[in-house]
Amino acid sequence: MNESTSPADADAALTTARSALAAARRPRPVPAWRPPVTGVLFAAGFGCLALYDAHPHTWAYLLGAALCLAIFLALTIASSRAGGITPWPAGSARERARRQSAVALPIVAGGIAWAFLGFPGFIGVFGAGLGILTWVQMASARKGTAA
């Protein structure tokens, strides 16, 4: 400490540093546009995969799927980092299972579609279902961090 720094100045600087650290650790809310865009990109990516499976020589569908899913992945990573999402789900095993069991709905719906429409139907319904689920879960998480 140099001679011109008083203990009060050092204490004020320490308080400011602690406040800045706490603000940096606080999760930032996800922008309002991100949940619907992410959900639609996921559904569109799987929809394009379904179309490509039904029409395998149409490369535009495969390109569209790759583009939609790459942008979806980039937005998901950005949301995770900005929103303070932890890589390991919190809570007891029962709470985690309850939260993650919502994925069963698109799987069952996709299975029913597979029975009537074949594998492209499964991919399309499964992707649309997970896209909607992603949108809803991100929107509810956004409301939770904004409150």
Protein backbone atom coordinates (compact mmCIF):
# COMPACT_ATOMS: atom_id res chain seq x y z
CA MET A 1 0.00 0.00 0.00
CA ASN A 2 1.45 3.37 -0.84
CA GLU A 3 1.39 6.36 1.52
CA SER A 4 -1.46 8.21 -0.23
CA THR A 5 -3.91 5.29 0.07
CA SER A 6 -5.97 5.35 3.22
CA PRO A 7 -7.69 2.31 4.74
CA ALA A 8 -11.04 3.86 3.77
CA ASP A 9 -9.93 4.08 0.11
CA ALA A 10 -8.76 0.48 0.16
CA ASP A 11 -12.04 -0.63 1.73
CA ALA A 12 -14.03 1.27 -0.92
CA ALA A 13 -11.96 -0.32 -3.70
CA LEU A 14 -12.49 -3.78 -2.19
CA THR A 15 -16.25 -3.19 -1.93
CA THR A 16 -16.35 -2.05 -5.56
CA ALA A 17 -14.40 -5.13 -6.68
CA ARG A 18 -16.73 -7.44 -4.76
CA SER A 19 -19.79 -5.75 -6.30
CA ALA A 20 -18.32 -6.12 -9.78
CA LEU A 21 -17.57 -9.80 -9.16
CA ALA A 22 -21.10 -10.43 -7.88
CA ALA A 23 -22.58 -8.67 -10.93
CA ALA A 24 -20.40 -10.73 -13.28
CA ARG A 25 -21.58 -13.97 -11.67
CA ARG A 26 -25.27 -13.03 -11.80
CA PRO A 27 -27.04 -14.72 -14.74
CA ARG A 28 -28.21 -12.40 -17.49
CA PRO A 29 -31.76 -12.92 -18.68
CA VAL A 30 -32.28 -14.50 -22.07
CA PRO A 31 -33.63 -12.01 -24.65
CA ALA A 32 -37.36 -12.35 -25.39
CA TRP A 33 -36.76 -13.32 -29.03
CA ARG A 34 -34.43 -16.22 -28.24
CA PRO A 35 -36.94 -18.91 -27.00
CA PRO A 36 -39.22 -18.76 -30.08
CA VAL A 37 -36.33 -18.47 -32.54
CA THR A 38 -34.50 -21.40 -30.93
CA GLY A 39 -37.62 -23.57 -30.88
CA VAL A 40 -38.47 -22.80 -34.50
CA LEU A 41 -34.89 -23.45 -35.64
CA PHE A 42 -34.89 -26.83 -33.91
CA ALA A 43 -38.24 -27.80 -35.43
CA ALA A 44 -37.23 -26.52 -38.87
CA GLY A 45 -33.94 -28.39 -38.75
CA PHE A 46 -35.66 -31.68 -38.01
CA GLY A 47 -38.39 -30.86 -40.51
CA CYS A 48 -35.75 -30.45 -43.20
CA LEU A 49 -34.21 -33.78 -42.14
CA ALA A 50 -37.63 -35.41 -42.52
CA LEU A 51 -38.03 -33.90 -45.97
CA TYR A 52 -34.54 -35.04 -46.93
CA ASP A 53 -35.34 -38.58 -45.74
CA ALA A 54 -38.51 -38.57 -47.83
CA HIS A 55 -36.73 -37.02 -50.86
CA PRO A 56 -33.06 -38.09 -50.55
CA HIS A 57 -31.83 -36.49 -53.75
CA THR A 58 -32.90 -32.98 -52.75
CA TRP A 59 -29.73 -31.64 -51.13
CA ALA A 60 -31.34 -28.31 -50.26
CA TYR A 61 -33.22 -30.06 -47.45
CA LEU A 62 -30.01 -31.44 -46.00
CA LEU A 63 -28.31 -28.06 -46.30
CA GLY A 64 -31.30 -26.36 -44.65
CA ALA A 65 -31.24 -28.89 -41.80
CA ALA A 66 -27.52 -28.39 -41.23
CA LEU A 67 -27.89 -24.60 -41.26
CA CYS A 68 -30.91 -24.53 -38.91
CA LEU A 69 -29.37 -26.99 -36.46
CA ALA A 70 -25.98 -25.20 -36.48
CA ILE A 71 -27.64 -21.86 -35.67
CA PHE A 72 -29.78 -23.63 -33.02
CA LEU A 73 -26.64 -25.05 -31.42
CA ALA A 74 -24.88 -21.65 -31.45
CA LEU A 75 -27.89 -19.93 -29.83
CA THR A 76 -28.20 -22.69 -27.24
CA ILE A 77 -24.55 -22.35 -26.27
CA ALA A 78 -24.89 -18.56 -26.11
CA SER A 79 -28.02 -18.85 -23.95
CA SER A 80 -26.34 -21.31 -21.62
CA ARG A 81 -23.34 -19.11 -21.03
CA ALA A 82 -25.25 -15.84 -20.78
CA GLY A 83 -28.06 -17.24 -18.65
CA GLY A 84 -25.80 -18.91 -16.11
CA ILE A 85 -27.14 -22.37 -16.88
CA THR A 86 -25.18 -25.06 -15.07
CA PRO A 87 -24.00 -28.08 -17.05
CA TRP A 88 -25.32 -30.52 -14.44
CA PRO A 89 -29.05 -30.23 -13.57
CA ALA A 90 -29.71 -29.23 -9.97
CA GLY A 91 -32.07 -30.92 -7.56
CA SER A 92 -32.74 -34.45 -6.42
CA ALA A 93 -32.91 -37.39 -8.81
CA ARG A 94 -36.71 -37.30 -8.61
CA GLU A 95 -36.84 -33.56 -9.45
CA ARG A 96 -34.45 -34.01 -12.39
CA ALA A 97 -36.44 -36.97 -13.71
CA ARG A 98 -39.70 -34.99 -13.46
CA ARG A 99 -38.22 -32.01 -15.36
CA GLN A 100 -36.62 -34.17 -18.02
CA SER A 101 -39.60 -36.50 -18.51
CA ALA A 102 -41.27 -33.93 -20.78
CA VAL A 103 -39.06 -35.26 -23.58
CA ALA A 104 -41.13 -38.46 -23.52
CA LEU A 105 -44.08 -36.64 -25.12
CA PRO A 106 -42.32 -35.87 -28.43
CA ILE A 107 -40.84 -39.37 -28.46
CA VAL A 108 -44.28 -41.00 -28.06
CA ALA A 109 -45.87 -38.63 -30.59
CA GLY A 110 -43.04 -39.36 -33.02
CA GLY A 111 -43.52 -43.10 -32.49
CA ILE A 112 -47.21 -42.79 -33.34
CA ALA A 113 -46.33 -40.77 -36.45
CA TRP A 114 -43.79 -43.44 -37.42
CA ALA A 115 -46.51 -46.08 -37.30
CA PHE A 116 -48.67 -44.12 -39.76
CA LEU A 117 -46.20 -42.04 -41.80
CA GLY A 118 -42.91 -43.92 -41.60
CA PHE A 119 -39.55 -42.65 -40.43
CA PRO A 120 -39.87 -39.17 -42.02
CA GLY A 121 -43.05 -38.72 -39.97
CA PHE A 122 -41.16 -39.66 -36.82
CA ILE A 123 -38.38 -37.18 -37.52
CA GLY A 124 -40.80 -34.36 -38.34
CA VAL A 125 -43.12 -34.87 -35.36
CA PHE A 126 -40.24 -35.52 -32.96
CA GLY A 127 -38.42 -32.38 -34.14
CA ALA A 128 -41.55 -30.23 -33.95
CA GLY A 129 -42.33 -31.56 -30.48
CA LEU A 130 -38.82 -30.92 -29.19
CA GLY A 131 -38.83 -27.50 -30.83
CA ILE A 132 -42.02 -26.58 -28.97
CA LEU A 133 -40.62 -28.05 -25.76
CA THR A 134 -37.40 -26.05 -26.17
CA TRP A 135 -39.40 -22.86 -26.74
CA VAL A 136 -41.59 -23.45 -23.67
CA GLN A 137 -38.72 -24.42 -21.38
CA MET A 138 -36.54 -21.49 -22.47
CA ALA A 139 -39.46 -19.07 -22.08
CA SER A 140 -40.22 -20.34 -18.58
CA ALA A 141 -36.53 -20.22 -17.63
CA ARG A 142 -36.40 -16.67 -18.99
CA LYS A 143 -39.33 -15.65 -16.79
CA GLY A 144 -37.64 -17.28 -13.81
CA THR A 145 -34.42 -15.29 -14.24
CA ALA A 146 -36.21 -12.03 -14.98
CA ALA A 147 -38.19 -12.20 -11.75
